[in-house]
Amino acid sequence: MARMKFLIVTIVLLGVEIYLMLYCKDEFAKTYLAAGVLVLMVCTFFYTLVPEGFWMLPFLVAIAFTGIEMMKYFGLFYEAHLYKIPFFKAILGSNYDFKRIVAFFVGAAMAVVMSRVSTEN
């Protein structure tokens, strides 16, 4: 039953992410809210596969996305030609922004809270 809940949440978050990327005109929501939702969506997808979870997973996902942000800061994102892949450019953006890193960790904190609440029920 827990897998079904996480799958439904993952699909809803995917819809929210697509809406933010394609139709939202607000730059704050498109940049920072979408970054937090992205971390939350990746974590809920993992929890769909492994419902017992792993409490540090959200922070590891946030660290991975922070690594990609750092790649953009140092220009490695462009050296590796990742900006040419439309999926990466749409999801990860094309420029470095420190506030996006904060949004990743806010999304990770939301994922930890969500996983704690779901395991208590």
C-alpha atoms as a PDB file:
ATOM      1  CA  MET A   1       0.000   0.000   0.000  1.00  0.00           C
ATOM      2  CA  ALA A   2       2.888   2.353   0.745  1.00  0.00           C
ATOM      3  CA  ARG A   3       4.228   1.850  -2.774  1.00  0.00           C
ATOM      4  CA  MET A   4       0.921   2.934  -4.277  1.00  0.00           C
ATOM      5  CA  LYS A   5       0.872   6.107  -2.159  1.00  0.00           C
ATOM      6  CA  PHE A   6       4.395   7.011  -3.217  1.00  0.00           C
ATOM      7  CA  LEU A   7       3.616   6.240  -6.873  1.00  0.00           C
ATOM      8  CA  ILE A   8       0.586   8.533  -6.796  1.00  0.00           C
ATOM      9  CA  VAL A   9       2.621  11.294  -5.144  1.00  0.00           C
ATOM     10  CA  THR A  10       5.397  10.828  -7.731  1.00  0.00           C
ATOM     11  CA  ILE A  11       2.933  11.149 -10.619  1.00  0.00           C
ATOM     12  CA  VAL A  12       1.345  14.243  -9.071  1.00  0.00           C
ATOM     13  CA  LEU A  13       4.773  15.822  -8.532  1.00  0.00           C
ATOM     14  CA  LEU A  14       5.728  15.009 -12.117  1.00  0.00           C
ATOM     15  CA  GLY A  15       2.609  16.839 -13.251  1.00  0.00           C
ATOM     16  CA  VAL A  16       3.488  19.811 -11.037  1.00  0.00           C
ATOM     17  CA  GLU A  17       7.045  19.839 -12.424  1.00  0.00           C
ATOM     18  CA  ILE A  18       5.822  19.740 -16.029  1.00  0.00           C
ATOM     19  CA  TYR A  19       3.340  22.520 -15.328  1.00  0.00           C
ATOM     20  CA  LEU A  20       6.030  24.679 -13.712  1.00  0.00           C
ATOM     21  CA  MET A  21       8.453  24.142 -16.577  1.00  0.00           C
ATOM     22  CA  LEU A  22       6.040  24.595 -19.476  1.00  0.00           C
ATOM     23  CA  TYR A  23       3.257  26.910 -18.384  1.00  0.00           C
ATOM     24  CA  CYS A  24       4.334  28.883 -15.329  1.00  0.00           C
ATOM     25  CA  LYS A  25       5.465  32.441 -16.088  1.00  0.00           C
ATOM     26  CA  ASP A  26       6.691  33.273 -12.575  1.00  0.00           C
ATOM     27  CA  GLU A  27      10.493  33.033 -12.454  1.00  0.00           C
ATOM     28  CA  PHE A  28      10.585  32.262  -8.709  1.00  0.00           C
ATOM     29  CA  ALA A  29       8.277  29.281  -9.097  1.00  0.00           C
ATOM     30  CA  LYS A  30       9.940  28.127 -12.291  1.00  0.00           C
ATOM     31  CA  THR A  31      13.431  28.276 -10.815  1.00  0.00           C
ATOM     32  CA  TYR A  32      13.291  27.608  -7.099  1.00  0.00           C
ATOM     33  CA  LEU A  33       9.990  25.868  -6.444  1.00  0.00           C
ATOM     34  CA  ALA A  34      10.671  23.506  -9.339  1.00  0.00           C
ATOM     35  CA  ALA A  35      14.105  22.688  -7.863  1.00  0.00           C
ATOM     36  CA  GLY A  36      12.563  21.681  -4.544  1.00  0.00           C
ATOM     37  CA  VAL A  37       9.823  19.696  -6.264  1.00  0.00           C
ATOM     38  CA  LEU A  38      12.431  17.921  -8.389  1.00  0.00           C
ATOM     39  CA  VAL A  39      14.283  16.621  -5.319  1.00  0.00           C
ATOM     40  CA  LEU A  40      11.004  15.600  -3.717  1.00  0.00           C
ATOM     41  CA  MET A  41       9.911  13.818  -6.905  1.00  0.00           C
ATOM     42  CA  VAL A  42      13.158  11.842  -7.222  1.00  0.00           C
ATOM     43  CA  CYS A  43      12.883  10.768  -3.578  1.00  0.00           C
ATOM     44  CA  THR A  44       9.255   9.685  -3.865  1.00  0.00           C
ATOM     45  CA  PHE A  45      10.116   7.705  -6.988  1.00  0.00           C
ATOM     46  CA  PHE A  46      12.856   5.909  -5.044  1.00  0.00           C
ATOM     47  CA  TYR A  47      10.447   5.284  -2.161  1.00  0.00           C
ATOM     48  CA  THR A  48       8.066   3.747  -4.705  1.00  0.00           C
ATOM     49  CA  LEU A  49      10.745   1.173  -5.469  1.00  0.00           C
ATOM     50  CA  VAL A  50      11.931   0.720  -1.870  1.00  0.00           C
ATOM     51  CA  PRO A  51       9.150   1.750   0.555  1.00  0.00           C
ATOM     52  CA  GLU A  52      11.292   1.157   3.650  1.00  0.00           C
ATOM     53  CA  GLY A  53      13.382   4.031   2.415  1.00  0.00           C
ATOM     54  CA  PHE A  54      16.738   5.300   3.422  1.00  0.00           C
ATOM     55  CA  TRP A  55      16.619   8.362   5.653  1.00  0.00           C
ATOM     56  CA  MET A  56      19.644  10.049   4.082  1.00  0.00           C
ATOM     57  CA  LEU A  57      18.425   9.600   0.500  1.00  0.00           C
ATOM     58  CA  PRO A  58      16.888  13.095   0.172  1.00  0.00           C
ATOM     59  CA  PHE A  59      20.131  14.716   1.241  1.00  0.00           C
ATOM     60  CA  LEU A  60      22.161  12.536  -1.128  1.00  0.00           C
ATOM     61  CA  VAL A  61      19.853  13.565  -3.984  1.00  0.00           C
ATOM     62  CA  ALA A  62      20.248  17.225  -2.977  1.00  0.00           C
ATOM     63  CA  ILE A  63      24.029  16.804  -2.877  1.00  0.00           C
ATOM     64  CA  ALA A  64      23.981  15.233  -6.348  1.00  0.00           C
ATOM     65  CA  PHE A  65      21.992  18.173  -7.732  1.00  0.00           C
ATOM     66  CA  THR A  66      24.332  20.552  -5.892  1.00  0.00           C
ATOM     67  CA  GLY A  67      27.222  18.851  -7.689  1.00  0.00           C
ATOM     68  CA  ILE A  68      25.531  19.623 -10.992  1.00  0.00           C
ATOM     69  CA  GLU A  69      25.109  23.245  -9.888  1.00  0.00           C
ATOM     70  CA  MET A  70      28.814  23.374  -9.051  1.00  0.00           C
ATOM     71  CA  MET A  71      29.561  21.937 -12.494  1.00  0.00           C
ATOM     72  CA  LYS A  72      27.679  24.909 -13.927  1.00  0.00           C
ATOM     73  CA  TYR A  73      29.604  27.319 -11.694  1.00  0.00           C
ATOM     74  CA  PHE A  74      32.974  26.010 -12.852  1.00  0.00           C
ATOM     75  CA  GLY A  75      31.879  25.669 -16.478  1.00  0.00           C
ATOM     76  CA  LEU A  76      32.100  21.868 -16.521  1.00  0.00           C
ATOM     77  CA  PHE A  77      28.403  21.662 -17.408  1.00  0.00           C
ATOM     78  CA  TYR A  78      29.283  23.322 -20.708  1.00  0.00           C
ATOM     79  CA  GLU A  79      32.558  21.453 -21.193  1.00  0.00           C
ATOM     80  CA  ALA A  80      30.685  18.142 -20.934  1.00  0.00           C
ATOM     81  CA  HIS A  81      28.101  19.514 -23.423  1.00  0.00           C
ATOM     82  CA  LEU A  82      25.253  18.660 -21.049  1.00  0.00           C
ATOM     83  CA  TYR A  83      23.559  21.948 -21.939  1.00  0.00           C
ATOM     84  CA  LYS A  84      22.901  20.569 -25.441  1.00  0.00           C
ATOM     85  CA  ILE A  85      20.593  17.874 -24.057  1.00  0.00           C
ATOM     86  CA  PRO A  86      17.142  19.524 -23.829  1.00  0.00           C
ATOM     87  CA  PHE A  87      16.085  17.395 -20.850  1.00  0.00           C
ATOM     88  CA  PHE A  88      19.039  18.528 -18.728  1.00  0.00           C
ATOM     89  CA  LYS A  89      18.701  22.135 -19.807  1.00  0.00           C
ATOM     90  CA  ALA A  90      14.969  22.213 -18.986  1.00  0.00           C
ATOM     91  CA  ILE A  91      15.201  20.417 -15.656  1.00  0.00           C
ATOM     92  CA  LEU A  92      18.508  21.750 -14.367  1.00  0.00           C
ATOM     93  CA  GLY A  93      18.598  25.185 -15.934  1.00  0.00           C
ATOM     94  CA  SER A  94      21.500  26.639 -17.810  1.00  0.00           C
ATOM     95  CA  ASN A  95      23.125  28.981 -15.291  1.00  0.00           C
ATOM     96  CA  TYR A  96      24.484  28.681 -11.745  1.00  0.00           C
ATOM     97  CA  ASP A  97      22.355  30.004  -8.910  1.00  0.00           C
ATOM     98  CA  PHE A  98      23.170  29.581  -5.218  1.00  0.00           C
ATOM     99  CA  LYS A  99      19.520  29.988  -4.255  1.00  0.00           C
ATOM    100  CA  ARG A 100      18.718  26.885  -6.306  1.00  0.00           C
ATOM    101  CA  ILE A 101      21.072  24.908  -4.024  1.00  0.00           C
ATOM    102  CA  VAL A 102      19.077  26.152  -1.031  1.00  0.00           C
ATOM    103  CA  ALA A 103      15.884  25.049  -2.819  1.00  0.00           C
ATOM    104  CA  PHE A 104      17.370  21.567  -3.312  1.00  0.00           C
ATOM    105  CA  PHE A 105      17.943  21.205   0.423  1.00  0.00           C
ATOM    106  CA  VAL A 106      14.489  22.583   1.248  1.00  0.00           C
ATOM    107  CA  GLY A 107      13.076  19.899  -1.060  1.00  0.00           C
ATOM    108  CA  ALA A 108      15.213  17.316   0.734  1.00  0.00           C
ATOM    109  CA  ALA A 109      13.863  18.448   4.102  1.00  0.00           C
ATOM    110  CA  MET A 110      10.303  18.158   2.762  1.00  0.00           C
ATOM    111  CA  ALA A 111      11.099  14.620   1.561  1.00  0.00           C
ATOM    112  CA  VAL A 112      12.422  13.649   5.003  1.00  0.00           C
ATOM    113  CA  VAL A 113       9.288  15.004   6.682  1.00  0.00           C
ATOM    114  CA  MET A 114       7.062  13.250   4.150  1.00  0.00           C
ATOM    115  CA  SER A 115       8.831   9.915   4.598  1.00  0.00           C
ATOM    116  CA  ARG A 116       8.639  10.206   8.410  1.00  0.00           C
ATOM    117  CA  VAL A 117       4.923  10.952   8.280  1.00  0.00           C
ATOM    118  CA  SER A 118       4.229   8.111   5.859  1.00  0.00           C
ATOM    119  CA  THR A 119       6.140   5.550   7.956  1.00  0.00           C
ATOM    120  CA  GLU A 120       4.258   6.578  11.112  1.00  0.00           C
ATOM    121  CA  ASN A 121       0.885   5.874   9.475  1.00  0.00           C
END
